[in-house]
Amino acid sequence: MEKDLYLKDKYVIESDDLKFDGKNIIIPSYYASVVYDYLDNVNIKEMNLNDADMHDYLAFYSFFEAIIDYKADKGGN
């Protein structure tokens, strides 16, 4: 699948380095800290999330946190 995605090079929506092929969103890793900062500033207490939405939020947050940690361990990029 990954091979398919990069070989076709046809995107439905493209803005700078952000791409959407109709199914997948491609975000360069340098956006990870920006997304993480936005997620970190969310006041989840005021949002009254149900359990499923809270789980999704925490998974999304943890995903970007892991990317930032990985990049720090690898010295950037």
N, C-alpha and C. Protein backbone atom coordinates (compact mmCIF):
# COMPACT_ATOMS: atom_id res chain seq x y z
N MET A 1 0.81 -1.18 0.00
CA MET A 1 0.00 0.00 0.00
C MET A 1 0.87 1.26 0.00
N GLU A 2 1.88 1.29 0.84
CA GLU A 2 2.75 2.46 0.91
C GLU A 2 3.41 2.70 -0.44
N LYS A 3 3.83 1.63 -1.08
CA LYS A 3 4.45 1.71 -2.39
C LYS A 3 3.46 2.33 -3.39
N ASP A 4 2.22 1.86 -3.36
CA ASP A 4 1.17 2.37 -4.23
C ASP A 4 0.97 3.86 -4.06
N LEU A 5 0.91 4.29 -2.82
CA LEU A 5 0.64 5.68 -2.49
C LEU A 5 1.68 6.60 -3.10
N TYR A 6 2.93 6.24 -2.98
CA TYR A 6 3.99 7.13 -3.46
C TYR A 6 4.27 6.99 -4.95
N LEU A 7 3.88 5.90 -5.56
CA LEU A 7 4.09 5.74 -6.99
C LEU A 7 3.08 6.52 -7.81
N LYS A 8 1.85 6.59 -7.35
CA LYS A 8 0.80 7.25 -8.12
C LYS A 8 1.02 8.75 -8.20
N ASP A 9 1.37 9.37 -7.09
CA ASP A 9 1.64 10.80 -7.04
C ASP A 9 0.47 11.64 -7.53
N LYS A 10 -0.76 11.14 -7.36
CA LYS A 10 -1.96 11.89 -7.70
C LYS A 10 -2.72 12.14 -6.41
N TYR A 11 -2.96 13.39 -6.13
CA TYR A 11 -3.62 13.76 -4.89
C TYR A 11 -4.89 14.54 -5.18
N VAL A 12 -5.90 14.31 -4.37
CA VAL A 12 -7.17 15.02 -4.50
C VAL A 12 -6.99 16.45 -4.01
N ILE A 13 -6.29 16.60 -2.90
CA ILE A 13 -6.04 17.92 -2.31
C ILE A 13 -4.55 18.01 -1.98
N GLU A 14 -3.96 19.14 -2.32
CA GLU A 14 -2.55 19.35 -2.04
C GLU A 14 -2.36 20.81 -1.63
N SER A 15 -1.73 21.02 -0.48
CA SER A 15 -1.45 22.36 0.01
C SER A 15 -0.05 22.36 0.60
N ASP A 16 0.86 23.05 -0.03
CA ASP A 16 2.27 23.01 0.34
C ASP A 16 2.72 21.55 0.38
N ASP A 17 3.19 21.09 1.55
CA ASP A 17 3.65 19.71 1.68
C ASP A 17 2.58 18.78 2.24
N LEU A 18 1.37 19.29 2.44
CA LEU A 18 0.27 18.47 2.93
C LEU A 18 -0.46 17.87 1.73
N LYS A 19 -0.77 16.58 1.83
CA LYS A 19 -1.40 15.91 0.70
C LYS A 19 -2.51 14.98 1.18
N PHE A 20 -3.54 14.85 0.36
CA PHE A 20 -4.64 13.93 0.62
C PHE A 20 -4.97 13.23 -0.68
N ASP A 21 -4.93 11.90 -0.66
CA ASP A 21 -5.16 11.15 -1.89
C ASP A 21 -6.56 10.57 -1.98
N GLY A 22 -7.45 11.02 -1.14
CA GLY A 22 -8.81 10.48 -1.12
C GLY A 22 -9.01 9.49 0.00
N LYS A 23 -7.91 8.97 0.53
CA LYS A 23 -7.97 8.00 1.61
C LYS A 23 -6.97 8.33 2.72
N ASN A 24 -5.79 8.71 2.36
CA ASN A 24 -4.71 8.96 3.33
C ASN A 24 -4.31 10.43 3.35
N ILE A 25 -3.99 10.90 4.55
CA ILE A 25 -3.46 12.24 4.72
C ILE A 25 -1.95 12.10 4.92
N ILE A 26 -1.18 12.84 4.15
CA ILE A 26 0.27 12.80 4.26
C ILE A 26 0.73 14.13 4.86
N ILE A 27 1.32 14.04 6.05
CA ILE A 27 1.78 15.22 6.77
C ILE A 27 3.28 15.07 7.02
N PRO A 28 4.10 16.01 6.56
CA PRO A 28 5.53 15.93 6.83
C PRO A 28 5.79 15.96 8.34
N SER A 29 6.85 15.30 8.75
CA SER A 29 7.13 15.17 10.18
C SER A 29 7.39 16.50 10.88
N TYR A 30 7.80 17.52 10.13
CA TYR A 30 8.05 18.80 10.79
C TYR A 30 6.75 19.46 11.28
N TYR A 31 5.60 18.97 10.84
CA TYR A 31 4.32 19.45 11.36
C TYR A 31 3.96 18.79 12.69
N ALA A 32 4.64 17.75 13.08
CA ALA A 32 4.29 17.01 14.30
C ALA A 32 4.27 17.89 15.53
N SER A 33 5.25 18.76 15.67
CA SER A 33 5.29 19.61 16.86
C SER A 33 4.15 20.63 16.87
N VAL A 34 3.76 21.09 15.70
CA VAL A 34 2.65 22.04 15.60
C VAL A 34 1.34 21.36 16.02
N VAL A 35 1.08 20.19 15.47
CA VAL A 35 -0.13 19.44 15.81
C VAL A 35 -0.11 19.09 17.29
N TYR A 36 1.03 18.65 17.79
CA TYR A 36 1.16 18.30 19.20
C TYR A 36 0.86 19.50 20.10
N ASP A 37 1.38 20.67 19.75
CA ASP A 37 1.11 21.87 20.54
C ASP A 37 -0.39 22.21 20.57
N TYR A 38 -1.05 22.08 19.43
CA TYR A 38 -2.50 22.32 19.39
C TYR A 38 -3.23 21.32 20.29
N LEU A 39 -2.87 20.07 20.18
CA LEU A 39 -3.51 19.04 21.01
C LEU A 39 -3.23 19.25 22.49
N ASP A 40 -2.04 19.71 22.79
CA ASP A 40 -1.65 19.94 24.18
C ASP A 40 -2.43 21.10 24.81
N ASN A 41 -2.87 22.04 23.97
CA ASN A 41 -3.61 23.20 24.47
C ASN A 41 -5.12 22.98 24.57
N VAL A 42 -5.58 21.81 24.19
CA VAL A 42 -7.00 21.50 24.28
C VAL A 42 -7.38 21.31 25.74
N ASN A 43 -8.44 21.97 26.17
CA ASN A 43 -8.93 21.79 27.52
C ASN A 43 -9.97 20.67 27.50
N ILE A 44 -9.51 19.45 27.72
CA ILE A 44 -10.40 18.29 27.60
C ILE A 44 -11.47 18.25 28.68
N LYS A 45 -11.24 18.92 29.80
CA LYS A 45 -12.24 18.95 30.87
C LYS A 45 -13.50 19.70 30.43
N GLU A 46 -13.32 20.73 29.62
CA GLU A 46 -14.45 21.52 29.14
C GLU A 46 -15.18 20.86 27.98
N MET A 47 -14.57 19.87 27.36
CA MET A 47 -15.16 19.27 26.17
C MET A 47 -16.18 18.18 26.48
N ASN A 48 -16.19 17.65 27.68
CA ASN A 48 -17.13 16.59 28.06
C ASN A 48 -17.13 15.43 27.05
N LEU A 49 -15.96 14.90 26.78
CA LEU A 49 -15.83 13.81 25.81
C LEU A 49 -16.35 12.51 26.39
N ASN A 50 -17.02 11.72 25.54
CA ASN A 50 -17.40 10.37 25.99
C ASN A 50 -16.15 9.50 25.97
N ASP A 51 -16.25 8.30 26.49
CA ASP A 51 -15.08 7.43 26.63
C ASP A 51 -14.39 7.14 25.29
N ALA A 52 -15.18 6.87 24.26
CA ALA A 52 -14.60 6.55 22.95
C ALA A 52 -13.84 7.76 22.37
N ASP A 53 -14.44 8.94 22.48
CA ASP A 53 -13.77 10.14 21.97
C ASP A 53 -12.53 10.48 22.78
N MET A 54 -12.58 10.26 24.08
CA MET A 54 -11.40 10.50 24.93
C MET A 54 -10.28 9.55 24.53
N HIS A 55 -10.63 8.29 24.29
CA HIS A 55 -9.64 7.31 23.87
C HIS A 55 -9.01 7.72 22.54
N ASP A 56 -9.83 8.17 21.59
CA ASP A 56 -9.32 8.62 20.29
C ASP A 56 -8.40 9.83 20.45
N TYR A 57 -8.80 10.78 21.29
CA TYR A 57 -7.98 11.96 21.53
C TYR A 57 -6.62 11.56 22.11
N LEU A 58 -6.64 10.71 23.13
CA LEU A 58 -5.39 10.29 23.77
C LEU A 58 -4.50 9.51 22.82
N ALA A 59 -5.09 8.69 21.96
CA ALA A 59 -4.31 7.93 20.97
C ALA A 59 -3.67 8.88 19.96
N PHE A 60 -4.43 9.86 19.49
CA PHE A 60 -3.92 10.84 18.53
C PHE A 60 -2.79 11.66 19.16
N TYR A 61 -3.01 12.11 20.38
CA TYR A 61 -2.02 12.88 21.14
C TYR A 61 -0.74 12.06 21.33
N SER A 62 -0.89 10.82 21.75
CA SER A 62 0.26 9.93 21.98
C SER A 62 1.03 9.66 20.70
N PHE A 63 0.31 9.55 19.59
CA PHE A 63 0.95 9.32 18.29
C PHE A 63 1.91 10.46 17.96
N PHE A 64 1.45 11.69 18.11
CA PHE A 64 2.31 12.84 17.81
C PHE A 64 3.41 13.01 18.84
N GLU A 65 3.14 12.65 20.07
CA GLU A 65 4.17 12.67 21.11
C GLU A 65 5.29 11.67 20.76
N ALA A 66 4.91 10.51 20.28
CA ALA A 66 5.89 9.48 19.90
C ALA A 66 6.74 9.95 18.71
N ILE A 67 6.12 10.65 17.77
CA ILE A 67 6.88 11.18 16.63
C ILE A 67 7.92 12.19 17.11
N ILE A 68 7.52 13.08 17.99
CA ILE A 68 8.44 14.09 18.51
C ILE A 68 9.58 13.42 19.28
N ASP A 69 9.26 12.43 20.10
CA ASP A 69 10.30 11.71 20.84
C ASP A 69 11.25 10.99 19.89
N TYR A 70 10.71 10.37 18.85
CA TYR A 70 11.53 9.66 17.87
C TYR A 70 12.48 10.63 17.17
N LYS A 71 11.94 11.78 16.74
CA LYS A 71 12.77 12.77 16.08
C LYS A 71 13.87 13.28 17.00
N ALA A 72 13.56 13.48 18.28
CA ALA A 72 14.56 13.96 19.25
C ALA A 72 15.65 12.91 19.44
N ASP A 73 15.27 11.65 19.48
CA ASP A 73 16.25 10.57 19.64
C ASP A 73 17.15 10.44 18.42
N LYS A 74 16.61 10.77 17.25
CA LYS A 74 17.37 10.65 15.99
C LYS A 74 18.08 11.94 15.61
N GLY A 75 17.96 12.97 16.44
CA GLY A 75 18.67 14.21 16.18
C GLY A 75 17.98 15.15 15.22
N GLY A 76 16.67 15.10 15.16
CA GLY A 76 15.93 16.02 14.29
C GLY A 76 15.25 15.33 13.16
N ASN A 77 14.89 16.13 12.15
CA ASN A 77 14.20 15.68 10.95
C ASN A 77 13.41 14.45 11.21
